[in-house]
């Protein structure tokens, strides 16, 4: 395995290792940003979103839904297109991503609770101010982050880019 591929793979870590790294980053007064998603077929919308998320701090940690949790999101019967291993490696290959952590739960709440990032980020289809956890616009873990004096931020989506659109376009 090449040194570059080893470097990419070294960014794929357990939640326990991520917790250790967050503690180390905080000792260095570095601001930790966390976001999560499926990131099934990487596209311009994902790149823009993740780059803007990374710009909100010094370190970006990305939580990736495992294959079972993607299926539980009712996206489509054939999703995910790419398995969790492939999706983690693609995200880890991005220079502005510092760590990738797989989570098996339906939401990343436990991971957010464990990491307690300084900034929690989601796409513009969510609302950083929504407090009703039953709302589709609610950001899981936002109340926890605010209680710990962190920031909850949404980033506008890039119009016309989504994995669903790409899949539908490829079918026609």
Protein backbone atom coordinates (compact mmCIF):
# COMPACT_ATOMS: atom_id res chain seq x y z
CA UNK A 1 0.00 0.00 0.00
CA UNK A 2 1.36 3.41 -0.94
CA UNK A 3 2.15 5.99 1.72
CA UNK A 4 -0.59 8.25 0.36
CA UNK A 5 -3.22 5.53 0.59
CA UNK A 6 -2.01 4.70 4.11
CA UNK A 7 -2.45 8.38 5.00
CA UNK A 8 -6.06 8.34 3.72
CA UNK A 9 -6.80 5.14 5.65
CA UNK A 10 -5.25 6.62 8.82
CA UNK A 11 -8.05 9.19 8.87
CA UNK A 12 -10.69 6.44 9.28
CA UNK A 13 -10.87 6.00 13.03
CA UNK A 14 -13.08 4.65 15.80
CA UNK A 15 -15.25 6.86 17.97
CA UNK A 16 -12.83 6.20 20.85
CA UNK A 17 -9.86 7.39 18.79
CA UNK A 18 -11.86 10.42 17.63
CA UNK A 19 -12.57 11.28 21.28
CA UNK A 20 -8.83 11.14 22.05
CA UNK A 21 -8.04 13.35 19.06
CA UNK A 22 -10.71 15.89 20.00
CA UNK A 23 -9.20 16.12 23.49
CA UNK A 24 -5.76 16.66 21.93
CA UNK A 25 -7.13 19.30 19.52
CA UNK A 26 -8.79 21.12 22.41
CA UNK A 27 -5.51 21.11 24.38
CA UNK A 28 -4.02 22.96 21.39
CA UNK A 29 -6.99 25.39 21.40
CA UNK A 30 -8.12 24.09 18.03
CA UNK A 31 -11.79 24.38 17.11
CA UNK A 32 -13.39 21.04 16.17
CA UNK A 33 -16.17 20.92 13.58
CA UNK A 34 -18.43 17.89 13.18
CA UNK A 35 -20.86 16.96 10.46
CA UNK A 36 -22.38 13.73 9.29
CA UNK A 37 -24.11 12.10 6.36
CA UNK A 38 -24.29 9.19 3.97
CA UNK A 39 -22.10 10.75 1.25
CA UNK A 40 -23.14 7.95 -1.08
CA UNK A 41 -22.06 9.36 -4.44
CA UNK A 42 -19.66 12.27 -3.91
CA UNK A 43 -20.62 15.36 -5.93
CA UNK A 44 -20.00 19.11 -6.08
CA UNK A 45 -22.64 19.76 -3.42
CA UNK A 46 -20.81 17.49 -0.97
CA UNK A 47 -17.41 19.02 -1.73
CA UNK A 48 -18.71 22.56 -1.30
CA UNK A 49 -20.55 21.67 1.90
CA UNK A 50 -17.59 19.87 3.48
CA UNK A 51 -15.09 22.57 2.48
CA UNK A 52 -17.32 25.27 3.99
CA UNK A 53 -17.78 23.16 7.14
CA UNK A 54 -14.00 22.74 7.45
CA UNK A 55 -13.56 26.52 7.19
CA UNK A 56 -15.59 26.95 10.41
CA UNK A 57 -12.77 25.56 12.56
CA UNK A 58 -9.34 23.97 12.63
CA UNK A 59 -10.35 20.30 12.42
CA UNK A 60 -13.19 18.59 10.57
CA UNK A 61 -14.56 15.24 11.72
CA UNK A 62 -17.14 13.56 9.49
CA UNK A 63 -19.53 10.93 10.79
CA UNK A 64 -20.60 8.42 8.12
CA UNK A 65 -23.78 6.36 8.36
CA UNK A 66 -23.08 2.65 8.13
CA UNK A 67 -24.89 0.71 5.39
CA UNK A 68 -27.72 -0.45 7.66
CA UNK A 69 -28.45 3.06 8.95
CA UNK A 70 -28.52 4.39 5.36
CA UNK A 71 -31.14 1.78 4.52
CA UNK A 72 -33.06 2.86 7.61
CA UNK A 73 -33.29 6.41 6.26
CA UNK A 74 -35.72 5.25 3.54
CA UNK A 75 -33.76 6.97 0.78
CA UNK A 76 -34.39 4.28 -1.85
CA UNK A 77 -34.42 0.47 -1.92
CA UNK A 78 -31.03 0.28 -3.66
CA UNK A 79 -29.20 2.67 -1.33
CA UNK A 80 -26.46 2.98 -0.47
CA UNK A 81 -24.93 2.65 -3.91
CA UNK A 82 -21.42 2.58 -2.44
CA UNK A 83 -20.73 0.54 0.68
CA UNK A 84 -19.56 2.10 3.93
CA UNK A 85 -15.91 1.20 3.34
CA UNK A 86 -15.89 2.95 -0.05
CA UNK A 87 -17.75 5.98 1.28
CA UNK A 88 -15.39 6.38 4.25
CA UNK A 89 -12.30 6.17 2.02
CA UNK A 90 -13.63 8.72 -0.46
CA UNK A 91 -14.40 11.25 2.31
CA UNK A 92 -11.07 10.54 4.05
CA UNK A 93 -9.26 11.31 0.78
CA UNK A 94 -10.39 14.93 0.96
CA UNK A 95 -7.56 17.13 2.19
CA UNK A 96 -9.76 19.25 4.45
CA UNK A 97 -11.18 16.24 6.31
CA UNK A 98 -9.19 15.31 9.42
CA UNK A 99 -11.08 12.22 10.52
CA UNK A 100 -13.91 9.92 9.44
CA UNK A 101 -15.93 7.92 11.96
CA UNK A 102 -18.53 5.29 11.09
CA UNK A 103 -21.69 5.19 13.18
CA UNK A 104 -24.27 2.42 13.28
CA UNK A 105 -27.14 4.20 15.03
CA UNK A 106 -30.01 5.86 13.15
CA UNK A 107 -28.67 9.26 14.20
CA UNK A 108 -25.20 10.49 15.20
CA UNK A 109 -26.43 11.63 18.65
CA UNK A 110 -24.21 9.23 20.61
CA UNK A 111 -21.17 10.19 18.54
CA UNK A 112 -21.89 13.91 18.99
CA UNK A 113 -22.37 13.35 22.73
CA UNK A 114 -19.04 11.53 22.91
CA UNK A 115 -17.06 14.05 20.83
CA UNK A 116 -18.71 17.32 21.93
CA UNK A 117 -17.41 19.30 18.96
CA UNK A 118 -17.22 23.08 19.08
CA UNK A 119 -19.29 23.43 15.92
CA UNK A 120 -22.06 21.14 14.64
CA UNK A 121 -22.88 21.55 10.95
CA UNK A 122 -25.71 20.37 8.70
CA UNK A 123 -27.00 21.36 5.28
CA UNK A 124 -29.44 24.15 4.56
CA UNK A 125 -32.35 21.71 4.48
CA UNK A 126 -32.06 21.79 8.30
CA UNK A 127 -32.66 24.73 10.67
CA UNK A 128 -29.99 25.57 13.25
CA UNK A 129 -32.64 27.23 15.44
CA UNK A 130 -35.23 24.41 15.37
CA UNK A 131 -35.78 23.07 18.88
CA UNK A 132 -38.57 20.58 18.18
CA UNK A 133 -36.83 17.20 17.89
CA UNK A 134 -39.82 15.84 15.93
CA UNK A 135 -39.34 18.38 13.15
CA UNK A 136 -37.58 17.23 9.94
CA UNK A 137 -35.51 20.41 10.17
CA UNK A 138 -34.21 19.62 13.68
CA UNK A 139 -30.46 18.99 13.90
CA UNK A 140 -29.75 15.97 16.10
CA UNK A 141 -27.45 16.94 18.95
CA UNK A 142 -27.97 20.69 18.53
CA UNK A 143 -29.36 21.13 22.04
CA UNK A 144 -26.34 19.33 23.50
CA UNK A 145 -23.88 21.47 21.54
CA UNK A 146 -25.60 24.70 22.58
CA UNK A 147 -25.60 23.59 26.26
CA UNK A 148 -21.82 23.18 25.93
CA UNK A 149 -21.53 26.69 24.46
CA UNK A 150 -20.81 25.41 20.96
CA UNK A 151 -22.25 26.66 17.69
CA UNK A 152 -24.82 25.01 15.43
CA UNK A 153 -24.52 26.09 11.80
CA UNK A 154 -26.27 25.29 8.54
CA UNK A 155 -24.65 25.62 5.13
CA UNK A 156 -26.65 26.36 2.01
CA UNK A 157 -26.96 23.46 -0.40
CA UNK A 158 -25.62 23.78 -3.94
CA UNK A 159 -28.66 23.97 -6.19
CA UNK A 160 -29.15 21.01 -8.50
CA UNK A 161 -26.74 18.63 -6.80
CA UNK A 162 -27.95 15.61 -4.85
CA UNK A 163 -27.23 11.91 -4.94
CA UNK A 164 -30.89 11.22 -5.73
CA UNK A 165 -30.73 13.59 -8.74
CA UNK A 166 -27.57 11.87 -10.00
CA UNK A 167 -29.18 8.42 -9.67
CA UNK A 168 -32.34 9.59 -11.44
CA UNK A 169 -30.32 11.23 -14.23
CA UNK A 170 -28.31 8.04 -14.79
CA UNK A 171 -31.55 6.06 -15.16
CA UNK A 172 -32.86 8.29 -17.94
